[in-house]
């Protein structure tokens, strides 16, 4: 039960952290905006030319009588767009993280320094090119896993009753898990934690992962919301990564209040 509360708390703490770092937050919005434009253009193209694509892919239906040809190809067009939309939701985070690797690395490092008792942040020691390659490789592996789950859940959605009740819940939980993996990867990759180990860490704390990723996945269904929540999600995921690895984390502001107390003590008259 504690993990269910803590995961959502990290999500809120991440948003609160970026709210107090306006410049860092502004720069971190750019990757999400770029990805949103690219995905929006792709979905518009799919909506405009999806029917033509379906017609090209189903030449065997050219001679079908009305209304069967229209119903069949119309159904496939809707399925194609739905799959495209589902895939865009699943891959949006991975693509945004890849596009904004330098921005989110900088943000995550700053969070680590702010909450670390000694004021330091882990460093992988790898070049930017190497970091990008590892991030792209691992993101592709996660996207493939998520795509398999998406197709399976989409198919199960046609089951009466369960497909409209149980399956959507499972779908959001699966989305939340993979979303959390992608976000925590920013901090964990800097600590040289490989993908297999990252997945094992997340599976060991499923309640924590779901309470962080599932509400975020629901919010990310609204594209513009995803753009504005992304920086805070990276910040919160950095806090979660520290928890998963058992690293000591102080509350933001402890250091400043401590300095204030020290200053009061130094300036106070001797008894």
C-alpha atoms as a PDB file:
ATOM      1  CA  UNK A   1       0.000   0.000   0.000  1.00  0.00           C
ATOM      2  CA  UNK A   2       2.898   2.366   0.721  1.00  0.00           C
ATOM      3  CA  UNK A   3       4.211   2.014  -2.839  1.00  0.00           C
ATOM      4  CA  UNK A   4       0.800   2.928  -4.254  1.00  0.00           C
ATOM      5  CA  UNK A   5       0.994   6.230  -2.411  1.00  0.00           C
ATOM      6  CA  UNK A   6       4.704   6.874  -2.976  1.00  0.00           C
ATOM      7  CA  UNK A   7       4.590   6.455  -6.764  1.00  0.00           C
ATOM      8  CA  UNK A   8       1.940   9.143  -7.144  1.00  0.00           C
ATOM      9  CA  UNK A   9       3.885  11.327  -4.696  1.00  0.00           C
ATOM     10  CA  UNK A  10       6.958  11.151  -6.943  1.00  0.00           C
ATOM     11  CA  UNK A  11       4.804  12.246  -9.854  1.00  0.00           C
ATOM     12  CA  UNK A  12       3.615  15.291  -7.912  1.00  0.00           C
ATOM     13  CA  UNK A  13       7.100  16.080  -6.565  1.00  0.00           C
ATOM     14  CA  UNK A  14       8.503  16.025 -10.087  1.00  0.00           C
ATOM     15  CA  UNK A  15       5.907  18.528 -11.298  1.00  0.00           C
ATOM     16  CA  UNK A  16       6.575  20.696  -8.256  1.00  0.00           C
ATOM     17  CA  UNK A  17      10.324  20.615  -8.936  1.00  0.00           C
ATOM     18  CA  UNK A  18      10.018  21.866 -12.519  1.00  0.00           C
ATOM     19  CA  UNK A  19       7.545  24.523 -11.380  1.00  0.00           C
ATOM     20  CA  UNK A  20      10.371  25.970  -9.292  1.00  0.00           C
ATOM     21  CA  UNK A  21      12.899  25.851 -12.161  1.00  0.00           C
ATOM     22  CA  UNK A  22      11.248  27.871 -14.904  1.00  0.00           C
ATOM     23  CA  UNK A  23      14.224  28.136 -17.267  1.00  0.00           C
ATOM     24  CA  UNK A  24      14.952  24.404 -17.116  1.00  0.00           C
ATOM     25  CA  UNK A  25      11.250  23.684 -17.618  1.00  0.00           C
ATOM     26  CA  UNK A  26      11.023  25.956 -20.673  1.00  0.00           C
ATOM     27  CA  UNK A  27      13.938  24.277 -22.462  1.00  0.00           C
ATOM     28  CA  UNK A  28      12.545  20.828 -21.614  1.00  0.00           C
ATOM     29  CA  UNK A  29       9.254  21.602 -23.385  1.00  0.00           C
ATOM     30  CA  UNK A  30      10.938  21.835 -26.808  1.00  0.00           C
ATOM     31  CA  UNK A  31      11.368  18.057 -27.473  1.00  0.00           C
ATOM     32  CA  UNK A  32       7.719  17.376 -26.645  1.00  0.00           C
ATOM     33  CA  UNK A  33       6.527  20.140 -28.953  1.00  0.00           C
ATOM     34  CA  UNK A  34       8.706  18.857 -31.818  1.00  0.00           C
ATOM     35  CA  UNK A  35       7.449  15.285 -31.327  1.00  0.00           C
ATOM     36  CA  UNK A  36       3.842  16.470 -31.087  1.00  0.00           C
ATOM     37  CA  UNK A  37       4.095  18.252 -34.444  1.00  0.00           C
ATOM     38  CA  UNK A  38       5.647  15.187 -36.101  1.00  0.00           C
ATOM     39  CA  UNK A  39       3.059  12.779 -34.676  1.00  0.00           C
ATOM     40  CA  UNK A  40       0.212  15.157 -35.446  1.00  0.00           C
ATOM     41  CA  UNK A  41       1.299  15.382 -39.082  1.00  0.00           C
ATOM     42  CA  UNK A  42       1.548  11.577 -39.317  1.00  0.00           C
ATOM     43  CA  UNK A  43      -1.955  11.066 -37.872  1.00  0.00           C
ATOM     44  CA  UNK A  44      -3.455  13.722 -40.165  1.00  0.00           C
ATOM     45  CA  UNK A  45      -1.830  11.986 -43.143  1.00  0.00           C
ATOM     46  CA  UNK A  46      -3.227   8.654 -41.959  1.00  0.00           C
ATOM     47  CA  UNK A  47      -6.702  10.155 -41.644  1.00  0.00           C
ATOM     48  CA  UNK A  48      -6.539  11.702 -45.131  1.00  0.00           C
ATOM     49  CA  UNK A  49      -4.979   8.821 -47.043  1.00  0.00           C
ATOM     50  CA  UNK A  50      -5.734   5.816 -44.832  1.00  0.00           C
ATOM     51  CA  UNK A  51      -8.657   4.757 -47.012  1.00  0.00           C
ATOM     52  CA  UNK A  52      -6.485   4.872 -50.140  1.00  0.00           C
ATOM     53  CA  UNK A  53      -3.867   2.759 -48.353  1.00  0.00           C
ATOM     54  CA  UNK A  54      -6.479   0.191 -47.360  1.00  0.00           C
ATOM     55  CA  UNK A  55      -7.820   0.103 -50.920  1.00  0.00           C
ATOM     56  CA  UNK A  56      -4.308  -0.503 -52.276  1.00  0.00           C
ATOM     57  CA  UNK A  57      -3.694  -3.276 -49.716  1.00  0.00           C
ATOM     58  CA  UNK A  58      -6.987  -5.098 -50.454  1.00  0.00           C
ATOM     59  CA  UNK A  59      -7.200  -5.509 -54.254  1.00  0.00           C
ATOM     60  CA  UNK A  60      -9.145  -8.754 -53.753  1.00  0.00           C
ATOM     61  CA  UNK A  61     -12.134  -6.657 -52.616  1.00  0.00           C
ATOM     62  CA  UNK A  62     -12.299  -4.546 -55.783  1.00  0.00           C
ATOM     63  CA  UNK A  63     -15.080  -6.657 -57.271  1.00  0.00           C
ATOM     64  CA  UNK A  64     -17.145  -6.998 -54.106  1.00  0.00           C
ATOM     65  CA  UNK A  65     -20.718  -5.768 -54.326  1.00  0.00           C
ATOM     66  CA  UNK A  66     -21.998  -2.846 -52.275  1.00  0.00           C
ATOM     67  CA  UNK A  67     -22.302  -2.390 -49.364  1.00  0.00           C
ATOM     68  CA  UNK A  68     -19.795  -5.123 -48.422  1.00  0.00           C
ATOM     69  CA  UNK A  69     -16.800  -3.518 -50.045  1.00  0.00           C
ATOM     70  CA  UNK A  70     -17.447  -0.176 -48.329  1.00  0.00           C
ATOM     71  CA  UNK A  71     -18.136  -1.783 -44.936  1.00  0.00           C
ATOM     72  CA  UNK A  72     -15.046  -3.983 -45.137  1.00  0.00           C
ATOM     73  CA  UNK A  73     -12.659  -1.254 -46.197  1.00  0.00           C
ATOM     74  CA  UNK A  74     -14.264   1.277 -43.865  1.00  0.00           C
ATOM     75  CA  UNK A  75     -13.752  -1.095 -40.935  1.00  0.00           C
ATOM     76  CA  UNK A  76     -10.106  -1.644 -41.880  1.00  0.00           C
ATOM     77  CA  UNK A  77      -9.562   2.106 -42.202  1.00  0.00           C
ATOM     78  CA  UNK A  78     -10.925   2.669 -38.704  1.00  0.00           C
ATOM     79  CA  UNK A  79      -8.762  -0.178 -37.346  1.00  0.00           C
ATOM     80  CA  UNK A  80      -5.703   1.246 -39.103  1.00  0.00           C
ATOM     81  CA  UNK A  81      -6.231   4.705 -37.620  1.00  0.00           C
ATOM     82  CA  UNK A  82      -6.957   3.252 -34.160  1.00  0.00           C
ATOM     83  CA  UNK A  83      -3.720   1.237 -34.281  1.00  0.00           C
ATOM     84  CA  UNK A  84      -1.832   4.329 -35.411  1.00  0.00           C
ATOM     85  CA  UNK A  85      -3.294   6.326 -32.540  1.00  0.00           C
ATOM     86  CA  UNK A  86      -2.526   3.569 -30.040  1.00  0.00           C
ATOM     87  CA  UNK A  87       1.031   3.229 -31.334  1.00  0.00           C
ATOM     88  CA  UNK A  88       1.527   6.992 -31.146  1.00  0.00           C
ATOM     89  CA  UNK A  89       0.487   6.984 -27.470  1.00  0.00           C
ATOM     90  CA  UNK A  90       2.795   4.057 -26.715  1.00  0.00           C
ATOM     91  CA  UNK A  91       5.795   5.491 -28.565  1.00  0.00           C
ATOM     92  CA  UNK A  92       5.348   9.208 -27.836  1.00  0.00           C
ATOM     93  CA  UNK A  93       7.432   9.132 -24.661  1.00  0.00           C
ATOM     94  CA  UNK A  94      10.251   7.070 -26.169  1.00  0.00           C
ATOM     95  CA  UNK A  95      10.439   9.347 -29.218  1.00  0.00           C
ATOM     96  CA  UNK A  96      10.329  12.523 -27.117  1.00  0.00           C
ATOM     97  CA  UNK A  97      13.068  11.220 -24.818  1.00  0.00           C
ATOM     98  CA  UNK A  98      15.222  10.360 -27.827  1.00  0.00           C
ATOM     99  CA  UNK A  99      14.665  13.751 -29.482  1.00  0.00           C
ATOM    100  CA  UNK A 100      15.310  15.568 -26.206  1.00  0.00           C
ATOM    101  CA  UNK A 101      18.109  13.415 -24.788  1.00  0.00           C
ATOM    102  CA  UNK A 102      20.450  16.340 -23.943  1.00  0.00           C
ATOM    103  CA  UNK A 103      17.593  18.384 -22.407  1.00  0.00           C
ATOM    104  CA  UNK A 104      16.306  15.570 -20.210  1.00  0.00           C
ATOM    105  CA  UNK A 105      19.803  14.425 -19.219  1.00  0.00           C
ATOM    106  CA  UNK A 106      20.519  17.930 -17.978  1.00  0.00           C
ATOM    107  CA  UNK A 107      17.198  18.102 -16.128  1.00  0.00           C
ATOM    108  CA  UNK A 108      17.686  14.692 -14.504  1.00  0.00           C
ATOM    109  CA  UNK A 109      21.232  15.544 -13.414  1.00  0.00           C
ATOM    110  CA  UNK A 110      20.027  18.762 -11.803  1.00  0.00           C
ATOM    111  CA  UNK A 111      17.323  16.873  -9.897  1.00  0.00           C
ATOM    112  CA  UNK A 112      19.959  14.387  -8.685  1.00  0.00           C
ATOM    113  CA  UNK A 113      22.185  17.210  -7.468  1.00  0.00           C
ATOM    114  CA  UNK A 114      19.298  18.957  -5.727  1.00  0.00           C
ATOM    115  CA  UNK A 115      18.167  15.897  -3.768  1.00  0.00           C
ATOM    116  CA  UNK A 116      21.516  14.179  -3.205  1.00  0.00           C
ATOM    117  CA  UNK A 117      22.895  14.695   0.344  1.00  0.00           C
ATOM    118  CA  UNK A 118      26.372  15.449  -1.080  1.00  0.00           C
ATOM    119  CA  UNK A 119      25.088  17.558  -3.995  1.00  0.00           C
ATOM    120  CA  UNK A 120      26.483  15.294  -6.721  1.00  0.00           C
ATOM    121  CA  UNK A 121      24.902  13.458  -9.662  1.00  0.00           C
ATOM    122  CA  UNK A 122      26.010  10.126 -11.201  1.00  0.00           C
ATOM    123  CA  UNK A 123      27.708  10.322 -14.575  1.00  0.00           C
ATOM    124  CA  UNK A 124      27.937   7.459 -17.064  1.00  0.00           C
ATOM    125  CA  UNK A 125      31.153   8.861 -18.506  1.00  0.00           C
ATOM    126  CA  UNK A 126      29.942   8.065 -22.020  1.00  0.00           C
ATOM    127  CA  UNK A 127      29.917  10.436 -24.970  1.00  0.00           C
ATOM    128  CA  UNK A 128      26.651  11.974 -26.176  1.00  0.00           C
ATOM    129  CA  UNK A 129      26.742   9.812 -29.313  1.00  0.00           C
ATOM    130  CA  UNK A 130      27.132   6.645 -27.243  1.00  0.00           C
ATOM    131  CA  UNK A 131      24.339   7.712 -24.874  1.00  0.00           C
ATOM    132  CA  UNK A 132      22.050   8.370 -27.847  1.00  0.00           C
ATOM    133  CA  UNK A 133      22.837   4.981 -29.360  1.00  0.00           C
ATOM    134  CA  UNK A 134      22.096   3.112 -26.104  1.00  0.00           C
ATOM    135  CA  UNK A 135      18.923   5.133 -25.576  1.00  0.00           C
ATOM    136  CA  UNK A 136      17.702   4.478 -29.134  1.00  0.00           C
ATOM    137  CA  UNK A 137      18.511   0.763 -28.910  1.00  0.00           C
ATOM    138  CA  UNK A 138      16.764   0.294 -25.564  1.00  0.00           C
ATOM    139  CA  UNK A 139      13.789   2.434 -26.622  1.00  0.00           C
ATOM    140  CA  UNK A 140      13.310   0.269 -29.711  1.00  0.00           C
ATOM    141  CA  UNK A 141      13.285  -2.855 -27.546  1.00  0.00           C
ATOM    142  CA  UNK A 142      10.673  -1.336 -25.256  1.00  0.00           C
ATOM    143  CA  UNK A 143       8.548  -0.100 -28.168  1.00  0.00           C
ATOM    144  CA  UNK A 144       8.542  -3.608 -29.682  1.00  0.00           C
ATOM    145  CA  UNK A 145       7.407  -5.080 -26.361  1.00  0.00           C
ATOM    146  CA  UNK A 146       4.752  -2.397 -25.963  1.00  0.00           C
ATOM    147  CA  UNK A 147       3.549  -2.855 -29.559  1.00  0.00           C
ATOM    148  CA  UNK A 148       3.087  -6.604 -29.012  1.00  0.00           C
ATOM    149  CA  UNK A 149       1.021  -5.884 -25.907  1.00  0.00           C
ATOM    150  CA  UNK A 150      -0.973  -3.230 -27.785  1.00  0.00           C
ATOM    151  CA  UNK A 151      -1.922  -5.572 -30.626  1.00  0.00           C
ATOM    152  CA  UNK A 152      -2.836  -8.327 -28.157  1.00  0.00           C
ATOM    153  CA  UNK A 153      -4.998  -6.039 -26.033  1.00  0.00           C
ATOM    154  CA  UNK A 154      -6.600  -4.525 -29.133  1.00  0.00           C
ATOM    155  CA  UNK A 155      -7.626  -8.022 -30.254  1.00  0.00           C
ATOM    156  CA  UNK A 156      -8.906  -8.908 -26.766  1.00  0.00           C
ATOM    157  CA  UNK A 157     -10.990  -5.737 -26.850  1.00  0.00           C
ATOM    158  CA  UNK A 158     -13.475  -7.490 -29.164  1.00  0.00           C
ATOM    159  CA  UNK A 159     -14.389  -9.968 -26.395  1.00  0.00           C
ATOM    160  CA  UNK A 160     -17.884  -9.055 -25.154  1.00  0.00           C
ATOM    161  CA  UNK A 161     -18.053  -7.369 -21.717  1.00  0.00           C
ATOM    162  CA  UNK A 162     -14.445  -8.180 -20.706  1.00  0.00           C
ATOM    163  CA  UNK A 163     -13.157  -6.348 -23.765  1.00  0.00           C
ATOM    164  CA  UNK A 164     -14.910  -3.171 -22.673  1.00  0.00           C
ATOM    165  CA  UNK A 165     -14.174  -3.414 -18.924  1.00  0.00           C
ATOM    166  CA  UNK A 166     -11.186  -5.552 -17.899  1.00  0.00           C
ATOM    167  CA  UNK A 167      -9.036  -5.156 -21.008  1.00  0.00           C
ATOM    168  CA  UNK A 168      -8.885  -1.312 -20.899  1.00  0.00           C
ATOM    169  CA  UNK A 169      -7.768  -1.461 -17.252  1.00  0.00           C
ATOM    170  CA  UNK A 170      -5.018  -3.960 -18.115  1.00  0.00           C
ATOM    171  CA  UNK A 171      -4.074  -1.778 -21.068  1.00  0.00           C
ATOM    172  CA  UNK A 172      -3.546   1.295 -18.898  1.00  0.00           C
ATOM    173  CA  UNK A 173      -1.507  -0.718 -16.400  1.00  0.00           C
ATOM    174  CA  UNK A 174       0.715  -2.079 -19.185  1.00  0.00           C
ATOM    175  CA  UNK A 175       1.078   1.424 -20.627  1.00  0.00           C
ATOM    176  CA  UNK A 176       1.965   2.755 -17.173  1.00  0.00           C
ATOM    177  CA  UNK A 177       4.668   0.125 -16.730  1.00  0.00           C
ATOM    178  CA  UNK A 178       6.389   0.806 -20.052  1.00  0.00           C
ATOM    179  CA  UNK A 179       5.977   4.557 -19.630  1.00  0.00           C
ATOM    180  CA  UNK A 180       7.729   4.382 -16.261  1.00  0.00           C
ATOM    181  CA  UNK A 181      10.532   2.289 -17.723  1.00  0.00           C
ATOM    182  CA  UNK A 182      11.160   4.837 -20.462  1.00  0.00           C
ATOM    183  CA  UNK A 183      11.189   7.743 -18.011  1.00  0.00           C
ATOM    184  CA  UNK A 184      13.365   6.130 -15.322  1.00  0.00           C
ATOM    185  CA  UNK A 185      15.805   5.046 -18.039  1.00  0.00           C
ATOM    186  CA  UNK A 186      17.098   8.634 -18.224  1.00  0.00           C
ATOM    187  CA  UNK A 187      18.459   8.442 -14.660  1.00  0.00           C
ATOM    188  CA  UNK A 188      19.246   4.720 -14.610  1.00  0.00           C
ATOM    189  CA  UNK A 189      21.219   4.810 -17.858  1.00  0.00           C
ATOM    190  CA  UNK A 190      23.509   7.429 -16.314  1.00  0.00           C
ATOM    191  CA  UNK A 191      24.115   4.883 -13.558  1.00  0.00           C
ATOM    192  CA  UNK A 192      25.048   2.234 -16.163  1.00  0.00           C
ATOM    193  CA  UNK A 193      22.003   0.090 -15.305  1.00  0.00           C
ATOM    194  CA  UNK A 194      21.250  -2.142 -18.296  1.00  0.00           C
ATOM    195  CA  UNK A 195      17.739  -2.645 -19.709  1.00  0.00           C
ATOM    196  CA  UNK A 196      17.323  -6.166 -18.298  1.00  0.00           C
ATOM    197  CA  UNK A 197      18.255  -4.969 -14.808  1.00  0.00           C
ATOM    198  CA  UNK A 198      15.963  -1.950 -15.154  1.00  0.00           C
ATOM    199  CA  UNK A 199      13.013  -4.188 -16.011  1.00  0.00           C
ATOM    200  CA  UNK A 200      13.825  -6.444 -13.044  1.00  0.00           C
ATOM    201  CA  UNK A 201      13.892  -3.432 -10.712  1.00  0.00           C
ATOM    202  CA  UNK A 202      10.513  -2.232 -11.962  1.00  0.00           C
ATOM    203  CA  UNK A 203       8.926  -5.684 -11.725  1.00  0.00           C
ATOM    204  CA  UNK A 204      10.059  -5.913  -8.093  1.00  0.00           C
ATOM    205  CA  UNK A 205       8.032  -2.767  -7.259  1.00  0.00           C
ATOM    206  CA  UNK A 206       4.973  -3.066  -9.508  1.00  0.00           C
ATOM    207  CA  UNK A 207       2.678  -1.081  -7.187  1.00  0.00           C
ATOM    208  CA  UNK A 208       5.158   1.799  -7.185  1.00  0.00           C
ATOM    209  CA  UNK A 209       5.465   1.667 -10.973  1.00  0.00           C
ATOM    210  CA  UNK A 210       1.724   1.505 -11.618  1.00  0.00           C
ATOM    211  CA  UNK A 211       0.898   4.352  -9.217  1.00  0.00           C
ATOM    212  CA  UNK A 212       3.418   6.532 -11.062  1.00  0.00           C
ATOM    213  CA  UNK A 213       2.931   5.476 -14.676  1.00  0.00           C
ATOM    214  CA  UNK A 214      -0.798   4.718 -14.912  1.00  0.00           C
ATOM    215  CA  UNK A 215      -2.093   8.216 -13.966  1.00  0.00           C
ATOM    216  CA  UNK A 216       0.582   9.665 -16.225  1.00  0.00           C
ATOM    217  CA  UNK A 217      -0.492   7.373 -19.075  1.00  0.00           C
ATOM    218  CA  UNK A 218      -4.085   8.564 -18.699  1.00  0.00           C
ATOM    219  CA  UNK A 219      -2.942  12.190 -18.777  1.00  0.00           C
ATOM    220  CA  UNK A 220      -0.734  11.520 -21.816  1.00  0.00           C
ATOM    221  CA  UNK A 221      -3.811  10.553 -23.835  1.00  0.00           C
ATOM    222  CA  UNK A 222      -4.249  14.302 -24.297  1.00  0.00           C
ATOM    223  CA  UNK A 223      -1.275  15.295 -26.512  1.00  0.00           C
ATOM    224  CA  UNK A 224      -0.870  18.870 -25.275  1.00  0.00           C
ATOM    225  CA  UNK A 225      -1.020  17.675 -21.674  1.00  0.00           C
ATOM    226  CA  UNK A 226       1.760  15.181 -22.421  1.00  0.00           C
ATOM    227  CA  UNK A 227       4.018  17.981 -23.665  1.00  0.00           C
ATOM    228  CA  UNK A 228       3.616  20.065 -20.513  1.00  0.00           C
ATOM    229  CA  UNK A 229       3.842  17.132 -18.073  1.00  0.00           C
ATOM    230  CA  UNK A 230       6.915  15.553 -19.676  1.00  0.00           C
ATOM    231  CA  UNK A 231       9.613  17.577 -17.861  1.00  0.00           C
ATOM    232  CA  UNK A 232       7.990  16.956 -14.474  1.00  0.00           C
ATOM    233  CA  UNK A 233       7.597  13.273 -15.336  1.00  0.00           C
ATOM    234  CA  UNK A 234      11.362  13.013 -15.987  1.00  0.00           C
ATOM    235  CA  UNK A 235      12.072  14.790 -12.694  1.00  0.00           C
ATOM    236  CA  UNK A 236       9.717  12.481 -10.781  1.00  0.00           C
ATOM    237  CA  UNK A 237      11.157   9.407 -12.498  1.00  0.00           C
ATOM    238  CA  UNK A 238      14.636  10.474 -11.351  1.00  0.00           C
ATOM    239  CA  UNK A 239      13.388  10.493  -7.762  1.00  0.00           C
ATOM    240  CA  UNK A 240      11.873   7.044  -8.320  1.00  0.00           C
ATOM    241  CA  UNK A 241      15.148   5.735  -9.771  1.00  0.00           C
ATOM    242  CA  UNK A 242      16.936   6.772  -6.578  1.00  0.00           C
ATOM    243  CA  UNK A 243      14.300   4.919  -4.546  1.00  0.00           C
ATOM    244  CA  UNK A 244      14.600   1.759  -6.668  1.00  0.00           C
ATOM    245  CA  UNK A 245      18.371   1.716  -6.112  1.00  0.00           C
ATOM    246  CA  UNK A 246      18.108   2.517  -2.401  1.00  0.00           C
ATOM    247  CA  UNK A 247      19.943   5.849  -2.716  1.00  0.00           C
ATOM    248  CA  UNK A 248      19.518   8.400   0.055  1.00  0.00           C
ATOM    249  CA  UNK A 249      17.342  11.321  -1.000  1.00  0.00           C
ATOM    250  CA  UNK A 250      16.701  14.523   0.873  1.00  0.00           C
ATOM    251  CA  UNK A 251      13.668  16.736   0.464  1.00  0.00           C
ATOM    252  CA  UNK A 252      14.268  19.773  -1.726  1.00  0.00           C
ATOM    253  CA  UNK A 253      14.694  22.728   0.584  1.00  0.00           C
ATOM    254  CA  UNK A 254      16.309  20.810   3.443  1.00  0.00           C
ATOM    255  CA  UNK A 255      19.715  22.240   2.606  1.00  0.00           C
ATOM    256  CA  UNK A 256      18.462  25.811   2.486  1.00  0.00           C
ATOM    257  CA  UNK A 257      16.580  25.472   5.775  1.00  0.00           C
ATOM    258  CA  UNK A 258      19.644  23.871   7.303  1.00  0.00           C
ATOM    259  CA  UNK A 259      21.797  26.793   6.243  1.00  0.00           C
ATOM    260  CA  UNK A 260      19.252  29.141   7.742  1.00  0.00           C
ATOM    261  CA  UNK A 261      19.386  27.285  11.060  1.00  0.00           C
ATOM    262  CA  UNK A 262      23.182  27.295  10.981  1.00  0.00           C
ATOM    263  CA  UNK A 263      23.189  31.018  10.279  1.00  0.00           C
ATOM    264  CA  UNK A 264      20.810  31.660  13.176  1.00  0.00           C
ATOM    265  CA  UNK A 265      23.023  29.651  15.477  1.00  0.00           C
ATOM    266  CA  UNK A 266      26.170  31.472  14.339  1.00  0.00           C
ATOM    267  CA  UNK A 267      24.563  34.875  14.774  1.00  0.00           C
ATOM    268  CA  UNK A 268      22.955  34.065  18.108  1.00  0.00           C
ATOM    269  CA  UNK A 269      24.552  35.496  21.253  1.00  0.00           C
ATOM    270  CA  UNK A 270      26.417  33.071  23.449  1.00  0.00           C
ATOM    271  CA  UNK A 271      24.532  31.984  26.537  1.00  0.00           C
END
